[in-house]
Structure formats: C-alpha cells, structure tokens
C-alpha cells in the first residue's frame, strides 16, 4: 500500500471546481481517512461515569420532569470523543441511566432498535414485554428486543434505576430508527419464562419442540443465577466469565450486542487480548481499576466505563468484583471481521 497519497491541494483549482460542480470528489486524498493502515483509528475515546456523581442528577431529574413529560427519564452517557449530547457511548453502543419513581409507569411503545436493561438499584420495578411481566432486581439483565411492545412500572417504595444499552447508533446510521406508542399492556398472570421455563441451565421446555420457538424466548436473566455460576467457576480456578445466550439456540442474546458476566478475585489482574469490538463495562459490585490504552480509571459499585476498538485493557480488582461487559462482537461476527490480536 502506498504510504503517501496525492493531496487535494495538488490538483489545479479549476479542476477542483469542476469536480464540485459535477458532485464528485477524488478518493485518494481522503482514502486513509476511511482505510487507515493495519488497524482502525477510532473516534471513540475511553469513557468513565461515576454513579455516585450521576445519581443525584437523576433524582433531581425526577423532581424536575414528570415521566409523562419525558416518556423515558434518562441521562445519556456520551462518548468523550464525540462530546456531551452524543447519543453514542461507543460507535455502536448507546448507554443511558433511566429513573423510575415509586408509583410511576413509563408508557408502552415499541421501536426498531433493541434494548437491554441492567438493573442498577432499587426493588419493585418491572418491565412488561409483549404481556410478560419481568421483575427487575439489582444486576438483572432484562431484554426488550426491537419490535416488541414494552412498558415499565414501579410497585416499590424507593427509586429504581437501570442502565439502558441499545444498538440505537446502528439504526440511526441506517436511517431506520423509529418508535410507535401504545397503551399499557395486559399482563399474563404467571411468572416470567426465566423463573419457569428456563430456570435450569441446559434444559428447555419439551413443548417448544412441537411449536415455533419465539425469537427471544427468555427476556430476563437473573443476576443471582449469573453470580452463582461465576462463583462455581472461580472455585475451580477457572477464568470466571460467562456469556449471556439465547437458551434455545445458544447464540448471543441479540444479533448486534453481546453481554458477558465477569468475576474478578481480590488482587486479580486480567489482561484480555486486543479485540476489534468496542465495549462498555458496568460494575455490579466491587472496586478496582482498569487501564485503557495507558489511562487508568478507578471504578466502584454501579460505575460504568467504555473502551474503543482494539483497546489495550488491564483490569485489576481491589476486592471481589462483578462486572457485565457489553460489546458489539455479535454484529462483527455476522459481518465476518471480528478479530483478536495478542498483546
């Protein structure tokens, strides 16, 4: 590949004016902007959001703006490389912290992007997805896939907060992002599938074999189950990381975003390979630090931080720590270019 390409300024002024008039532009002066040598040059920068700093702002938002005026009362976590207000935490991942107060309900809607909620704090919140009521407990992963009706409610006594993770940037880029509103859903009088049909790993309902399987059969992944499985792995000296999957197919929970639960022992240092996927990390519990491309970030319970593609990461836990990694590897797998490079 050529190291130095011709510049636009090297072309005669009259020729450049003719190009503009014709609505065309020469590729070579800008080729390295879109095809850099050897690896991408990300616009995304490592980001860090301290929950104890943001929480009072969320609570104040609850006092200033009723949910009826907000539809979804959310503070967006914007990528530092794009600036405050950017609807991206990385190039492909949207993150926001959403607040629901006791007695409130967020109206039903459905939209083309898919969303996953990681419950940060509070009890008594729930999400209804296509009539299935999903309780929301701390650390739970609750899905609202694209095209599925969903609304939120709160029967508890204290604020409920969750982290929204969406593939929204992809749909905005494709000019395919929109939502449709509707009435609150009638709720089926039974526990959700995670408590009944998919409560045991490696087992699925026999009846499904005679019926068409729902595309997303399990909508809630309880944190208690994830933590129990992580502890079992760690007790045998194994790397304690588990991917969230569709129990019927074994594939990632979404075609665009993946989710991985992690456990770090006190003093443990983890140095993953350089991955072509961008990532966000939510701290369910614990304290430690992560160095991203040489920049250290101290984190604690309920904090969130992000890393761009091919980031050099070093995780170090001060005490027993649990994190959930959100990443876009499933999308890259489908496009056929996911890559890991040794450090």
Foldseek 3Di string as FASTA:
>chain_A
DDPDFDAPVVDDPVVVVVCVVVVHDDCGNCVCVPVPPPADDFLFDKFWDACVVCVVVLVVLVVVDPCVRVLWSWQWDDGPSVDHPDQDVGLQKTKIKTKDAAFDKRFKKAKQKKKKKAWADDFFKWKAWQQAIGGHDHGKIFIHHHPIIMMMHGNDHGMTMIMIIIRVSVCVVVVNIDMDGDGDDHHDPDHACCVPAVVDQPGGDPVCVVDPADPQRHGMDDVVVLVVQQVVQVVVVHFRKDWDPRRVPRHANDLFKTKMKGKDAAFDKDWFFQKQKKKKKFWSAFWWWKQWQNRIDTHGHGMMMIHHHRIGIMTTGNHITMMMMMIGVSNCVVVPHIDTDGD
